[in-house]
Amino acid sequence: MQSTLKMPFSNVQQELLQLYAHHVSDNDLNNIKELLGNYFANRLSKLADQAWQNNNWTNEDMENILNDPAQ
């Protein structure tokens, strides 16, 4: 049975497919995964810092957000 793609690949997926068309070692693959993880973690951290500043949150505000049972 043939499967068809319902949506095209994103630009990130296309770049990664081009990269993975070449064999990389397991060590290189792990390093690439770590780089991608660090990139997105740093990006998220910057967005969180920006939200913190935009909302003028205090440490008490953050504790209330973290301890809110509705969250």
C-alpha atoms as a PDB file:
ATOM      1  CA  MET A   1       0.000   0.000   0.000  1.00  0.00           C
ATOM      2  CA  GLN A   2       1.390   3.348  -1.023  1.00  0.00           C
ATOM      3  CA  SER A   3       1.343   6.262   1.405  1.00  0.00           C
ATOM      4  CA  THR A   4       1.138   9.844   0.267  1.00  0.00           C
ATOM      5  CA  LEU A   5       2.200  12.984   2.073  1.00  0.00           C
ATOM      6  CA  LYS A   6      -0.676  15.176   3.138  1.00  0.00           C
ATOM      7  CA  MET A   7       1.498  18.274   3.595  1.00  0.00           C
ATOM      8  CA  PRO A   8       4.882  19.385   2.305  1.00  0.00           C
ATOM      9  CA  PHE A   9       7.952  19.327   4.480  1.00  0.00           C
ATOM     10  CA  SER A  10       8.791  22.474   6.418  1.00  0.00           C
ATOM     11  CA  ASN A  11      11.982  24.367   5.635  1.00  0.00           C
ATOM     12  CA  VAL A  12      13.628  22.838   8.719  1.00  0.00           C
ATOM     13  CA  GLN A  13      12.646  19.338   7.667  1.00  0.00           C
ATOM     14  CA  GLN A  14      14.006  19.945   4.169  1.00  0.00           C
ATOM     15  CA  GLU A  15      17.356  21.136   5.547  1.00  0.00           C
ATOM     16  CA  LEU A  16      17.620  18.168   7.876  1.00  0.00           C
ATOM     17  CA  LEU A  17      16.746  15.739   5.107  1.00  0.00           C
ATOM     18  CA  GLN A  18      19.541  17.201   2.989  1.00  0.00           C
ATOM     19  CA  LEU A  19      21.938  16.812   5.917  1.00  0.00           C
ATOM     20  CA  TYR A  20      20.831  13.257   6.621  1.00  0.00           C
ATOM     21  CA  ALA A  21      21.191  12.269   2.974  1.00  0.00           C
ATOM     22  CA  HIS A  22      24.871  11.926   3.915  1.00  0.00           C
ATOM     23  CA  HIS A  23      25.919   9.352   6.449  1.00  0.00           C
ATOM     24  CA  VAL A  24      27.006  10.842   9.766  1.00  0.00           C
ATOM     25  CA  SER A  25      28.514   8.975  12.674  1.00  0.00           C
ATOM     26  CA  ASP A  26      26.499   8.253  15.787  1.00  0.00           C
ATOM     27  CA  ASN A  27      28.711  10.740  17.622  1.00  0.00           C
ATOM     28  CA  ASP A  28      27.978  13.458  15.049  1.00  0.00           C
ATOM     29  CA  LEU A  29      24.277  12.638  15.207  1.00  0.00           C
ATOM     30  CA  ASN A  30      24.291  13.023  18.989  1.00  0.00           C
ATOM     31  CA  ASN A  31      26.145  16.332  18.677  1.00  0.00           C
ATOM     32  CA  ILE A  32      23.597  17.583  16.132  1.00  0.00           C
ATOM     33  CA  LYS A  33      20.735  16.591  18.439  1.00  0.00           C
ATOM     34  CA  GLU A  34      22.409  18.439  21.303  1.00  0.00           C
ATOM     35  CA  LEU A  35      22.937  21.546  19.147  1.00  0.00           C
ATOM     36  CA  LEU A  36      19.278  21.560  18.135  1.00  0.00           C
ATOM     37  CA  GLY A  37      18.150  21.021  21.716  1.00  0.00           C
ATOM     38  CA  ASN A  38      20.373  23.848  22.968  1.00  0.00           C
ATOM     39  CA  TYR A  39      19.152  26.174  20.230  1.00  0.00           C
ATOM     40  CA  PHE A  40      15.488  25.662  21.095  1.00  0.00           C
ATOM     41  CA  ALA A  41      16.157  25.794  24.857  1.00  0.00           C
ATOM     42  CA  ASN A  42      17.962  29.129  24.455  1.00  0.00           C
ATOM     43  CA  ARG A  43      15.199  30.453  22.236  1.00  0.00           C
ATOM     44  CA  LEU A  44      12.552  29.468  24.780  1.00  0.00           C
ATOM     45  CA  SER A  45      14.576  31.027  27.590  1.00  0.00           C
ATOM     46  CA  LYS A  46      14.776  34.333  25.694  1.00  0.00           C
ATOM     47  CA  LEU A  47      11.019  34.282  25.066  1.00  0.00           C
ATOM     48  CA  ALA A  48      10.379  33.592  28.756  1.00  0.00           C
ATOM     49  CA  ASP A  49      12.692  36.451  29.776  1.00  0.00           C
ATOM     50  CA  GLN A  50      10.876  38.745  27.368  1.00  0.00           C
ATOM     51  CA  ALA A  51       7.474  37.735  28.770  1.00  0.00           C
ATOM     52  CA  TRP A  52       8.800  38.280  32.313  1.00  0.00           C
ATOM     53  CA  GLN A  53       9.893  41.821  31.432  1.00  0.00           C
ATOM     54  CA  ASN A  54       6.782  42.682  29.394  1.00  0.00           C
ATOM     55  CA  ASN A  55       4.516  41.610  32.258  1.00  0.00           C
ATOM     56  CA  ASN A  56       6.682  43.107  35.022  1.00  0.00           C
ATOM     57  CA  TRP A  57       6.522  39.819  36.893  1.00  0.00           C
ATOM     58  CA  THR A  58       8.149  39.413  40.276  1.00  0.00           C
ATOM     59  CA  ASN A  59       9.468  36.243  41.888  1.00  0.00           C
ATOM     60  CA  GLU A  60       6.237  36.129  43.890  1.00  0.00           C
ATOM     61  CA  ASP A  61       4.204  36.262  40.664  1.00  0.00           C
ATOM     62  CA  MET A  62       6.195  33.357  39.271  1.00  0.00           C
ATOM     63  CA  GLU A  63       5.712  31.308  42.448  1.00  0.00           C
ATOM     64  CA  ASN A  64       1.959  31.940  42.206  1.00  0.00           C
ATOM     65  CA  ILE A  65       1.941  30.864  38.547  1.00  0.00           C
ATOM     66  CA  LEU A  66       3.970  27.727  39.284  1.00  0.00           C
ATOM     67  CA  ASN A  67       1.820  26.761  42.265  1.00  0.00           C
ATOM     68  CA  ASP A  68      -1.561  27.471  40.673  1.00  0.00           C
ATOM     69  CA  PRO A  69      -3.425  24.144  40.684  1.00  0.00           C
ATOM     70  CA  ALA A  70      -5.405  25.221  37.609  1.00  0.00           C
ATOM     71  CA  GLN A  71      -2.228  25.317  35.504  1.00  0.00           C
END
